[in-house]
Amino acid sequence: MSNVPVFPGRYIIEPSSTHKYTLIALHGLGSTGRIFADRLLFGAPYQENASEPDPEQASSRQFAPWTQRLPLHNIRFVFPTAPTRHLTIPHDRDVPAWFQVSSFTDLEYKQEEQMAGLTESVGFLSALIDEEVRLLEAAGRSSRDLFLLGRSQGSSVTGWTFLTAVSKFQIGGIVLAGSWLIFARALREVLGQVREGKNENSMLAGVEDRPVPLEALDFARSMVNASNLDEASDDGEVPILMGHSTDDKWISVKLGRQFRDVVRSAGCQVEWREYVGAEEEGHWLKDPEEFDAISDFLLRQMKS
């Protein structure tokens, strides 16, 4: 029996008019592309064990208020679903997951179990980006008209995909919400070595000064495309928006700040925002402030 994970089909909402932009959005642990789309775009209420929305009702749903300023009729929305994996937290069961998770507080716990899943998911997202860029180019657009959004575990995959191929993906922008980054210290150290002399602010704030496991460093080195990072220019910088609730009971805001600092250590500019009082014990997007920030950010990048 093959151990290669199966990436289920994507949930796609096609533009009703000319295709000008594409948004690829990665869900968090235990969700699916369709459920994430239902919550993010249509404002469906949170359900702990949500079932797949009824496709028959999709056409009758109204887009959430935060999306109304976006050129919805020109955007292709792509919501992939992670493979099913057996996880022991937060419950002992099979769930959609981009990679294995053994702790929500110590992200370096059992890191060796996360390597295969992260590699697979980064490869999947990289190929999906290539595919969607080709569709945009066929419509007379460019990679700058493609945007990424990652929530929670989906943000780790989004961040790793971007940071290990920063020149390849000259896209329109990236949004990360309730984010955390596995192998953060290892990636920071490798990125610092690659960019030595280019970025003086390469230290992570608030991270204990202890040696990075060699296995993690080797993994990070194998993932980072050093030549791409060397060739990256300030003119081609991808704008990044990150948001995190300070009262997030699942993923500490300290992990979000750590993620932010890793991205900055790669020479990227990050627009960072903190919130309080979001749903799901602080782990969902703050309504309306965070949603409004996302729509403002996307509008600034969608030129025409």
C-alpha atoms as a PDB file:
ATOM      1  CA  MET A   1       0.000   0.000   0.000  1.00  0.00           C
ATOM      2  CA  SER A   2       1.307   3.456  -0.941  1.00  0.00           C
ATOM      3  CA  ASN A   3       2.100   5.944   1.817  1.00  0.00           C
ATOM      4  CA  VAL A   4       1.815   8.903  -0.532  1.00  0.00           C
ATOM      5  CA  PRO A   5      -1.026  11.124   0.759  1.00  0.00           C
ATOM      6  CA  VAL A   6      -3.998  11.896  -1.407  1.00  0.00           C
ATOM      7  CA  PHE A   7      -4.774  15.582  -1.824  1.00  0.00           C
ATOM      8  CA  PRO A   8      -8.554  15.726  -2.332  1.00  0.00           C
ATOM      9  CA  GLY A   9     -10.157  17.864  -4.996  1.00  0.00           C
ATOM     10  CA  ARG A  10     -10.273  21.638  -4.664  1.00  0.00           C
ATOM     11  CA  TYR A  11     -13.350  23.722  -4.019  1.00  0.00           C
ATOM     12  CA  ILE A  12     -13.372  26.429  -6.693  1.00  0.00           C
ATOM     13  CA  ILE A  13     -15.607  29.449  -7.171  1.00  0.00           C
ATOM     14  CA  GLU A  14     -15.227  30.755 -10.697  1.00  0.00           C
ATOM     15  CA  PRO A  15     -15.476  34.473 -11.537  1.00  0.00           C
ATOM     16  CA  SER A  16     -18.797  35.499 -13.044  1.00  0.00           C
ATOM     17  CA  SER A  17     -17.042  37.864 -15.463  1.00  0.00           C
ATOM     18  CA  THR A  18     -13.483  38.316 -16.801  1.00  0.00           C
ATOM     19  CA  HIS A  19     -10.851  36.371 -14.848  1.00  0.00           C
ATOM     20  CA  LYS A  20      -8.420  38.960 -13.451  1.00  0.00           C
ATOM     21  CA  TYR A  21      -7.340  37.618 -10.056  1.00  0.00           C
ATOM     22  CA  THR A  22      -6.939  34.322  -8.193  1.00  0.00           C
ATOM     23  CA  LEU A  23      -6.971  33.749  -4.436  1.00  0.00           C
ATOM     24  CA  ILE A  24      -5.687  30.407  -3.110  1.00  0.00           C
ATOM     25  CA  ALA A  25      -6.741  29.888   0.518  1.00  0.00           C
ATOM     26  CA  LEU A  26      -5.450  27.118   2.812  1.00  0.00           C
ATOM     27  CA  HIS A  27      -7.595  26.006   5.745  1.00  0.00           C
ATOM     28  CA  GLY A  28      -6.556  25.161   9.278  1.00  0.00           C
ATOM     29  CA  LEU A  29      -6.227  21.794  10.988  1.00  0.00           C
ATOM     30  CA  GLY A  30      -9.315  19.576  10.741  1.00  0.00           C
ATOM     31  CA  SER A  31     -11.200  21.721   8.248  1.00  0.00           C
ATOM     32  CA  THR A  32     -11.688  21.346   4.482  1.00  0.00           C
ATOM     33  CA  GLY A  33     -11.547  23.695   1.539  1.00  0.00           C
ATOM     34  CA  ARG A  34     -15.319  23.858   1.215  1.00  0.00           C
ATOM     35  CA  ILE A  35     -15.942  24.419   4.934  1.00  0.00           C
ATOM     36  CA  PHE A  36     -13.259  27.126   5.039  1.00  0.00           C
ATOM     37  CA  ALA A  37     -14.773  28.853   2.007  1.00  0.00           C
ATOM     38  CA  ASP A  38     -18.206  28.694   3.612  1.00  0.00           C
ATOM     39  CA  ARG A  39     -16.942  30.470   6.739  1.00  0.00           C
ATOM     40  CA  LEU A  40     -14.512  32.892   5.124  1.00  0.00           C
ATOM     41  CA  LEU A  41     -16.500  34.063   2.106  1.00  0.00           C
ATOM     42  CA  PHE A  42     -20.092  33.501   3.180  1.00  0.00           C
ATOM     43  CA  GLY A  43     -19.930  34.062   6.942  1.00  0.00           C
ATOM     44  CA  ALA A  44     -21.241  30.634   7.944  1.00  0.00           C
ATOM     45  CA  PRO A  45     -21.362  30.209  11.754  1.00  0.00           C
ATOM     46  CA  TYR A  46     -18.728  28.155  13.520  1.00  0.00           C
ATOM     47  CA  GLN A  47     -19.569  24.502  14.206  1.00  0.00           C
ATOM     48  CA  GLU A  48     -17.128  22.287  16.074  1.00  0.00           C
ATOM     49  CA  ASN A  49     -17.818  19.291  13.833  1.00  0.00           C
ATOM     50  CA  ALA A  50     -18.965  21.094  10.709  1.00  0.00           C
ATOM     51  CA  SER A  51     -20.175  19.025   7.776  1.00  0.00           C
ATOM     52  CA  GLU A  52     -19.650  19.866   4.132  1.00  0.00           C
ATOM     53  CA  PRO A  53     -22.029  22.629   2.938  1.00  0.00           C
ATOM     54  CA  ASP A  54     -24.828  21.569   0.613  1.00  0.00           C
ATOM     55  CA  PRO A  55     -23.693  22.296  -2.981  1.00  0.00           C
ATOM     56  CA  GLU A  56     -27.329  22.873  -3.972  1.00  0.00           C
ATOM     57  CA  GLN A  57     -27.460  25.901  -1.689  1.00  0.00           C
ATOM     58  CA  ALA A  58     -24.158  27.418  -2.839  1.00  0.00           C
ATOM     59  CA  SER A  59     -25.616  29.513  -5.631  1.00  0.00           C
ATOM     60  CA  SER A  60     -28.167  31.114  -3.302  1.00  0.00           C
ATOM     61  CA  ARG A  61     -25.668  32.249  -0.650  1.00  0.00           C
ATOM     62  CA  GLN A  62     -24.662  35.863  -0.269  1.00  0.00           C
ATOM     63  CA  PHE A  63     -21.020  36.840   0.054  1.00  0.00           C
ATOM     64  CA  ALA A  64     -20.009  38.163   3.484  1.00  0.00           C
ATOM     65  CA  PRO A  65     -19.946  41.964   3.948  1.00  0.00           C
ATOM     66  CA  TRP A  66     -16.134  42.183   4.073  1.00  0.00           C
ATOM     67  CA  THR A  67     -15.879  40.870   0.497  1.00  0.00           C
ATOM     68  CA  GLN A  68     -18.293  43.365  -1.020  1.00  0.00           C
ATOM     69  CA  ARG A  69     -15.616  45.949  -1.863  1.00  0.00           C
ATOM     70  CA  LEU A  70     -13.559  43.361  -3.743  1.00  0.00           C
ATOM     71  CA  PRO A  71     -14.057  42.766  -7.490  1.00  0.00           C
ATOM     72  CA  LEU A  72     -15.786  39.456  -6.756  1.00  0.00           C
ATOM     73  CA  HIS A  73     -16.930  39.007 -10.351  1.00  0.00           C
ATOM     74  CA  ASN A  74     -13.250  38.957 -11.442  1.00  0.00           C
ATOM     75  CA  ILE A  75     -11.795  36.646  -8.763  1.00  0.00           C
ATOM     76  CA  ARG A  76     -11.259  32.899  -9.022  1.00  0.00           C
ATOM     77  CA  PHE A  77     -11.296  31.436  -5.496  1.00  0.00           C
ATOM     78  CA  VAL A  78      -9.401  28.165  -4.975  1.00  0.00           C
ATOM     79  CA  PHE A  79      -9.784  26.265  -1.683  1.00  0.00           C
ATOM     80  CA  PRO A  80      -7.735  23.032  -1.593  1.00  0.00           C
ATOM     81  CA  THR A  81      -8.204  20.384   1.094  1.00  0.00           C
ATOM     82  CA  ALA A  82      -5.362  18.750   3.021  1.00  0.00           C
ATOM     83  CA  PRO A  83      -4.853  14.968   3.037  1.00  0.00           C
ATOM     84  CA  THR A  84      -6.381  12.935   5.850  1.00  0.00           C
ATOM     85  CA  ARG A  85      -3.858  12.061   8.547  1.00  0.00           C
ATOM     86  CA  HIS A  86      -4.147  10.427  11.960  1.00  0.00           C
ATOM     87  CA  LEU A  87      -3.467  12.959  14.722  1.00  0.00           C
ATOM     88  CA  THR A  88      -3.548  12.523  18.493  1.00  0.00           C
ATOM     89  CA  ILE A  89      -4.272  16.213  19.231  1.00  0.00           C
ATOM     90  CA  PRO A  90      -6.624  17.871  19.839  1.00  0.00           C
ATOM     91  CA  HIS A  91      -8.466  14.530  19.442  1.00  0.00           C
ATOM     92  CA  ASP A  92      -7.261  11.032  18.602  1.00  0.00           C
ATOM     93  CA  ARG A  93      -8.739  10.659  15.110  1.00  0.00           C
ATOM     94  CA  ASP A  94      -8.241  11.018  11.363  1.00  0.00           C
ATOM     95  CA  VAL A  95      -8.583  14.623  10.175  1.00  0.00           C
ATOM     96  CA  PRO A  96      -7.535  16.755   7.200  1.00  0.00           C
ATOM     97  CA  ALA A  97      -4.044  18.016   8.076  1.00  0.00           C
ATOM     98  CA  TRP A  98      -1.245  19.540   6.036  1.00  0.00           C
ATOM     99  CA  PHE A  99       1.328  17.813   8.279  1.00  0.00           C
ATOM    100  CA  GLN A 100       1.573  15.989  11.606  1.00  0.00           C
ATOM    101  CA  VAL A 101       1.119  17.968  14.821  1.00  0.00           C
ATOM    102  CA  SER A 102       2.134  16.731  18.269  1.00  0.00           C
ATOM    103  CA  SER A 103       1.908  19.951  20.301  1.00  0.00           C
ATOM    104  CA  PHE A 104       0.301  23.379  19.949  1.00  0.00           C
ATOM    105  CA  THR A 105       2.723  24.943  22.446  1.00  0.00           C
ATOM    106  CA  ASP A 106       6.114  23.346  21.712  1.00  0.00           C
ATOM    107  CA  LEU A 107       6.382  23.314  17.914  1.00  0.00           C
ATOM    108  CA  GLU A 108       9.763  21.567  18.109  1.00  0.00           C
ATOM    109  CA  TYR A 109       8.257  18.492  19.801  1.00  0.00           C
ATOM    110  CA  LYS A 110       8.566  15.441  17.511  1.00  0.00           C
ATOM    111  CA  GLN A 111       9.638  17.607  14.572  1.00  0.00           C
ATOM    112  CA  GLU A 112      10.904  14.549  12.740  1.00  0.00           C
ATOM    113  CA  GLU A 113       7.276  13.478  12.268  1.00  0.00           C
ATOM    114  CA  GLN A 114       6.409  16.760  10.545  1.00  0.00           C
ATOM    115  CA  MET A 115       9.038  16.725   7.806  1.00  0.00           C
ATOM    116  CA  ALA A 116       7.353  14.417   5.311  1.00  0.00           C
ATOM    117  CA  GLY A 117       3.954  16.106   5.517  1.00  0.00           C
ATOM    118  CA  LEU A 118       5.389  19.606   5.215  1.00  0.00           C
ATOM    119  CA  THR A 119       7.496  18.590   2.209  1.00  0.00           C
ATOM    120  CA  GLU A 120       4.462  17.043   0.513  1.00  0.00           C
ATOM    121  CA  SER A 121       2.209  20.022   1.199  1.00  0.00           C
ATOM    122  CA  VAL A 122       4.777  22.611   0.085  1.00  0.00           C
ATOM    123  CA  GLY A 123       5.266  20.644  -3.131  1.00  0.00           C
ATOM    124  CA  PHE A 124       1.501  20.497  -3.627  1.00  0.00           C
ATOM    125  CA  LEU A 125       1.015  24.228  -3.084  1.00  0.00           C
ATOM    126  CA  SER A 126       3.980  25.093  -5.304  1.00  0.00           C
ATOM    127  CA  ALA A 127       2.506  23.034  -8.146  1.00  0.00           C
ATOM    128  CA  LEU A 128      -0.934  24.557  -7.568  1.00  0.00           C
ATOM    129  CA  ILE A 129       0.526  28.069  -7.778  1.00  0.00           C
ATOM    130  CA  ASP A 130       2.238  27.179 -11.059  1.00  0.00           C
ATOM    131  CA  GLU A 131      -1.044  25.833 -12.397  1.00  0.00           C
ATOM    132  CA  GLU A 132      -3.053  28.883 -11.382  1.00  0.00           C
ATOM    133  CA  VAL A 133      -0.426  31.303 -12.739  1.00  0.00           C
ATOM    134  CA  ARG A 134      -0.677  29.580 -16.116  1.00  0.00           C
ATOM    135  CA  LEU A 135      -4.440  30.105 -16.085  1.00  0.00           C
ATOM    136  CA  LEU A 136      -3.948  33.787 -15.290  1.00  0.00           C
ATOM    137  CA  GLU A 137      -1.399  34.169 -18.068  1.00  0.00           C
ATOM    138  CA  ALA A 138      -3.794  32.522 -20.498  1.00  0.00           C
ATOM    139  CA  ALA A 139      -6.289  35.231 -19.528  1.00  0.00           C
ATOM    140  CA  GLY A 140      -3.732  37.958 -20.239  1.00  0.00           C
ATOM    141  CA  ARG A 141      -2.785  38.511 -16.608  1.00  0.00           C
ATOM    142  CA  SER A 142       0.384  37.737 -14.599  1.00  0.00           C
ATOM    143  CA  SER A 143       1.601  36.092 -11.396  1.00  0.00           C
ATOM    144  CA  ARG A 144       1.158  39.468  -9.681  1.00  0.00           C
ATOM    145  CA  ASP A 145      -2.590  38.850  -9.889  1.00  0.00           C
ATOM    146  CA  LEU A 146      -2.376  35.753  -7.682  1.00  0.00           C
ATOM    147  CA  PHE A 147      -2.798  35.959  -3.902  1.00  0.00           C
ATOM    148  CA  LEU A 148      -2.298  33.453  -1.081  1.00  0.00           C
ATOM    149  CA  LEU A 149      -4.191  33.239   2.198  1.00  0.00           C
ATOM    150  CA  GLY A 150      -3.299  30.797   4.943  1.00  0.00           C
ATOM    151  CA  ARG A 151      -5.052  30.265   8.247  1.00  0.00           C
ATOM    152  CA  SER A 152      -3.498  28.495  11.241  1.00  0.00           C
ATOM    153  CA  GLN A 153      -1.826  25.286   9.992  1.00  0.00           C
ATOM    154  CA  GLY A 154      -2.421  26.424   6.414  1.00  0.00           C
ATOM    155  CA  SER A 155      -0.294  29.476   7.172  1.00  0.00           C
ATOM    156  CA  SER A 156       2.737  27.287   7.934  1.00  0.00           C
ATOM    157  CA  VAL A 157       2.514  25.665   4.503  1.00  0.00           C
ATOM    158  CA  THR A 158       1.945  29.050   2.862  1.00  0.00           C
ATOM    159  CA  GLY A 159       4.911  30.592   4.675  1.00  0.00           C
ATOM    160  CA  TRP A 160       7.279  27.732   3.910  1.00  0.00           C
ATOM    161  CA  THR A 161       6.256  27.678   0.250  1.00  0.00           C
ATOM    162  CA  PHE A 162       6.915  31.392  -0.093  1.00  0.00           C
ATOM    163  CA  LEU A 163      10.118  31.553   1.941  1.00  0.00           C
ATOM    164  CA  THR A 164      11.771  28.618   0.164  1.00  0.00           C
ATOM    165  CA  ALA A 165      11.103  30.005  -3.326  1.00  0.00           C
ATOM    166  CA  VAL A 166      10.877  33.746  -2.813  1.00  0.00           C
ATOM    167  CA  SER A 167      11.946  34.724  -6.343  1.00  0.00           C
ATOM    168  CA  LYS A 168       9.903  32.102  -8.145  1.00  0.00           C
ATOM    169  CA  PHE A 169       6.640  33.344  -6.708  1.00  0.00           C
ATOM    170  CA  GLN A 170       6.441  37.050  -7.507  1.00  0.00           C
ATOM    171  CA  ILE A 171       2.787  37.121  -6.610  1.00  0.00           C
ATOM    172  CA  GLY A 172       0.406  39.902  -5.622  1.00  0.00           C
ATOM    173  CA  GLY A 173       0.381  39.384  -1.869  1.00  0.00           C
ATOM    174  CA  ILE A 174       0.054  37.010   1.072  1.00  0.00           C
ATOM    175  CA  VAL A 175      -2.372  37.036   4.016  1.00  0.00           C
ATOM    176  CA  LEU A 176      -1.612  34.948   7.124  1.00  0.00           C
ATOM    177  CA  ALA A 177      -4.128  34.662   9.977  1.00  0.00           C
ATOM    178  CA  GLY A 178      -3.709  32.989  13.374  1.00  0.00           C
ATOM    179  CA  SER A 179      -0.370  31.819  12.068  1.00  0.00           C
ATOM    180  CA  TRP A 180       2.428  29.627  13.342  1.00  0.00           C
ATOM    181  CA  LEU A 181       5.553  28.298  11.646  1.00  0.00           C
ATOM    182  CA  ILE A 182       7.059  24.887  12.255  1.00  0.00           C
ATOM    183  CA  PHE A 183      10.870  24.667  12.138  1.00  0.00           C
ATOM    184  CA  ALA A 184      10.853  28.425  12.763  1.00  0.00           C
ATOM    185  CA  ARG A 185      14.266  28.629  14.456  1.00  0.00           C
ATOM    186  CA  ALA A 186      15.909  26.328  11.925  1.00  0.00           C
ATOM    187  CA  LEU A 187      14.481  28.250   8.992  1.00  0.00           C
ATOM    188  CA  ARG A 188      15.489  31.577  10.552  1.00  0.00           C
ATOM    189  CA  GLU A 189      19.072  30.370  10.947  1.00  0.00           C
ATOM    190  CA  VAL A 190      19.305  29.033   7.397  1.00  0.00           C
ATOM    191  CA  LEU A 191      17.759  32.176   5.930  1.00  0.00           C
ATOM    192  CA  GLY A 192      20.217  34.256   7.940  1.00  0.00           C
ATOM    193  CA  GLN A 193      23.123  32.288   6.481  1.00  0.00           C
ATOM    194  CA  VAL A 194      21.797  32.721   2.951  1.00  0.00           C
ATOM    195  CA  ARG A 195      21.287  36.449   3.394  1.00  0.00           C
ATOM    196  CA  GLU A 196      24.460  37.069   5.434  1.00  0.00           C
ATOM    197  CA  GLY A 197      25.444  40.683   5.172  1.00  0.00           C
ATOM    198  CA  LYS A 198      22.077  41.670   3.659  1.00  0.00           C
ATOM    199  CA  ASN A 199      19.953  41.804   6.783  1.00  0.00           C
ATOM    200  CA  GLU A 200      21.297  42.904  10.138  1.00  0.00           C
ATOM    201  CA  ASN A 201      18.036  42.218  11.989  1.00  0.00           C
ATOM    202  CA  SER A 202      18.138  38.431  11.756  1.00  0.00           C
ATOM    203  CA  MET A 203      17.461  37.505  15.360  1.00  0.00           C
ATOM    204  CA  LEU A 204      14.115  36.262  16.552  1.00  0.00           C
ATOM    205  CA  ALA A 205      12.604  38.280  19.370  1.00  0.00           C
ATOM    206  CA  GLY A 206      11.417  36.368  22.413  1.00  0.00           C
ATOM    207  CA  VAL A 207      12.841  32.967  21.424  1.00  0.00           C
ATOM    208  CA  GLU A 208      15.032  31.160  23.932  1.00  0.00           C
ATOM    209  CA  ASP A 209      18.708  30.977  23.028  1.00  0.00           C
ATOM    210  CA  ARG A 210      19.262  27.241  22.727  1.00  0.00           C
ATOM    211  CA  PRO A 211      20.909  25.212  19.947  1.00  0.00           C
ATOM    212  CA  VAL A 212      18.740  24.377  16.959  1.00  0.00           C
ATOM    213  CA  PRO A 213      18.552  20.572  16.459  1.00  0.00           C
ATOM    214  CA  LEU A 214      20.906  19.507  13.655  1.00  0.00           C
ATOM    215  CA  GLU A 215      18.209  17.376  12.054  1.00  0.00           C
ATOM    216  CA  ALA A 216      15.946  20.418  11.833  1.00  0.00           C
ATOM    217  CA  LEU A 217      18.755  22.517  10.343  1.00  0.00           C
ATOM    218  CA  ASP A 218      19.490  19.865   7.734  1.00  0.00           C
ATOM    219  CA  PHE A 219      15.814  19.724   6.837  1.00  0.00           C
ATOM    220  CA  ALA A 220      15.560  23.507   6.515  1.00  0.00           C
ATOM    221  CA  ARG A 221      18.664  23.611   4.316  1.00  0.00           C
ATOM    222  CA  SER A 222      17.189  20.941   2.063  1.00  0.00           C
ATOM    223  CA  MET A 223      14.008  22.983   1.639  1.00  0.00           C
ATOM    224  CA  VAL A 224      15.507  26.418   1.062  1.00  0.00           C
ATOM    225  CA  ASN A 225      16.363  27.367  -2.498  1.00  0.00           C
ATOM    226  CA  ALA A 226      19.425  29.484  -1.741  1.00  0.00           C
ATOM    227  CA  SER A 227      19.925  30.712  -5.294  1.00  0.00           C
ATOM    228  CA  ASN A 228      16.397  32.063  -5.431  1.00  0.00           C
ATOM    229  CA  LEU A 229      16.882  33.886  -2.145  1.00  0.00           C
ATOM    230  CA  ASP A 230      20.152  35.370  -3.380  1.00  0.00           C
ATOM    231  CA  GLU A 231      18.470  36.664  -6.516  1.00  0.00           C
ATOM    232  CA  ALA A 232      15.502  38.215  -4.728  1.00  0.00           C
ATOM    233  CA  SER A 233      15.370  41.977  -5.049  1.00  0.00           C
ATOM    234  CA  ASP A 234      13.606  44.632  -3.039  1.00  0.00           C
ATOM    235  CA  ASP A 235      11.759  45.692  -6.191  1.00  0.00           C
ATOM    236  CA  GLY A 236      10.131  42.273  -6.410  1.00  0.00           C
ATOM    237  CA  GLU A 237       9.066  42.085  -2.778  1.00  0.00           C
ATOM    238  CA  VAL A 238       5.738  40.440  -2.093  1.00  0.00           C
ATOM    239  CA  PRO A 239       3.517  42.384   0.355  1.00  0.00           C
ATOM    240  CA  ILE A 240       2.498  40.381   3.423  1.00  0.00           C
ATOM    241  CA  LEU A 241      -0.312  40.970   5.919  1.00  0.00           C
ATOM    242  CA  MET A 242      -0.305  39.036   9.191  1.00  0.00           C
ATOM    243  CA  GLY A 243      -2.928  39.104  11.940  1.00  0.00           C
ATOM    244  CA  HIS A 244      -3.223  37.315  15.278  1.00  0.00           C
ATOM    245  CA  SER A 245      -5.458  37.576  18.335  1.00  0.00           C
ATOM    246  CA  THR A 246      -3.655  38.209  21.605  1.00  0.00           C
ATOM    247  CA  ASP A 247      -6.239  36.037  23.381  1.00  0.00           C
ATOM    248  CA  ASP A 248      -5.916  33.068  20.999  1.00  0.00           C
ATOM    249  CA  LYS A 249      -6.187  30.047  23.322  1.00  0.00           C
ATOM    250  CA  TRP A 250      -5.045  27.528  20.682  1.00  0.00           C
ATOM    251  CA  ILE A 251      -2.055  29.220  19.057  1.00  0.00           C
ATOM    252  CA  SER A 252      -0.243  31.754  21.232  1.00  0.00           C
ATOM    253  CA  VAL A 253       0.309  35.188  19.742  1.00  0.00           C
ATOM    254  CA  LYS A 254       3.988  34.627  20.619  1.00  0.00           C
ATOM    255  CA  LEU A 255       4.113  32.001  17.864  1.00  0.00           C
ATOM    256  CA  GLY A 256       2.569  34.461  15.439  1.00  0.00           C
ATOM    257  CA  ARG A 257       5.173  37.070  16.374  1.00  0.00           C
ATOM    258  CA  GLN A 258       7.895  34.450  15.944  1.00  0.00           C
ATOM    259  CA  PHE A 259       6.570  33.713  12.438  1.00  0.00           C
ATOM    260  CA  ARG A 260       6.540  37.446  11.682  1.00  0.00           C
ATOM    261  CA  ASP A 261      10.158  37.807  12.771  1.00  0.00           C
ATOM    262  CA  VAL A 262      11.275  34.876  10.612  1.00  0.00           C
ATOM    263  CA  VAL A 263       9.646  36.512   7.587  1.00  0.00           C
ATOM    264  CA  ARG A 264      11.327  39.810   8.421  1.00  0.00           C
ATOM    265  CA  SER A 265      14.686  38.054   8.815  1.00  0.00           C
ATOM    266  CA  ALA A 266      14.305  37.023   5.164  1.00  0.00           C
ATOM    267  CA  GLY A 267      14.232  40.702   4.236  1.00  0.00           C
ATOM    268  CA  CYS A 268      10.464  40.947   3.770  1.00  0.00           C
ATOM    269  CA  GLN A 269       8.254  43.782   4.938  1.00  0.00           C
ATOM    270  CA  VAL A 270       5.311  42.616   7.044  1.00  0.00           C
ATOM    271  CA  GLU A 271       2.176  44.521   7.957  1.00  0.00           C
ATOM    272  CA  TRP A 272       1.451  43.091  11.428  1.00  0.00           C
ATOM    273  CA  ARG A 273      -1.828  43.531  13.309  1.00  0.00           C
ATOM    274  CA  GLU A 274      -3.052  42.216  16.665  1.00  0.00           C
ATOM    275  CA  TYR A 275      -6.658  41.733  17.738  1.00  0.00           C
ATOM    276  CA  VAL A 276      -8.718  40.636  20.723  1.00  0.00           C
ATOM    277  CA  GLY A 277     -12.134  39.022  21.088  1.00  0.00           C
ATOM    278  CA  ALA A 278     -12.365  36.827  17.984  1.00  0.00           C
ATOM    279  CA  GLU A 279     -14.569  33.716  17.815  1.00  0.00           C
ATOM    280  CA  GLU A 280     -13.290  30.177  18.477  1.00  0.00           C
ATOM    281  CA  GLU A 281     -11.555  31.313  21.677  1.00  0.00           C
ATOM    282  CA  GLY A 282      -9.604  33.904  19.731  1.00  0.00           C
ATOM    283  CA  HIS A 283      -8.511  31.575  16.932  1.00  0.00           C
ATOM    284  CA  TRP A 284     -10.847  32.788  14.171  1.00  0.00           C
ATOM    285  CA  LEU A 285     -10.489  36.066  12.292  1.00  0.00           C
ATOM    286  CA  LYS A 286     -11.637  39.105  14.246  1.00  0.00           C
ATOM    287  CA  ASP A 287     -14.898  40.494  12.855  1.00  0.00           C
ATOM    288  CA  PRO A 288     -15.033  43.133  11.463  1.00  0.00           C
ATOM    289  CA  GLU A 289     -11.548  44.580  12.053  1.00  0.00           C
ATOM    290  CA  GLU A 290      -9.425  41.750  10.636  1.00  0.00           C
ATOM    291  CA  PHE A 291     -11.761  41.105   7.719  1.00  0.00           C
ATOM    292  CA  ASP A 292     -11.684  44.809   6.857  1.00  0.00           C
ATOM    293  CA  ALA A 293      -7.875  44.818   7.032  1.00  0.00           C
ATOM    294  CA  ILE A 294      -7.768  41.898   4.601  1.00  0.00           C
ATOM    295  CA  SER A 295     -10.119  43.552   2.119  1.00  0.00           C
ATOM    296  CA  ASP A 296      -8.131  46.816   2.351  1.00  0.00           C
ATOM    297  CA  PHE A 297      -4.885  44.921   1.788  1.00  0.00           C
ATOM    298  CA  LEU A 298      -6.192  43.007  -1.230  1.00  0.00           C
ATOM    299  CA  LEU A 299      -7.702  46.123  -2.770  1.00  0.00           C
ATOM    300  CA  ARG A 300      -4.357  47.935  -2.554  1.00  0.00           C
ATOM    301  CA  GLN A 301      -2.688  45.148  -4.523  1.00  0.00           C
ATOM    302  CA  MET A 302      -5.413  44.604  -7.133  1.00  0.00           C
ATOM    303  CA  LYS A 303      -4.356  47.312  -9.551  1.00  0.00           C
ATOM    304  CA  SER A 304      -6.826  46.976 -12.425  1.00  0.00           C
END
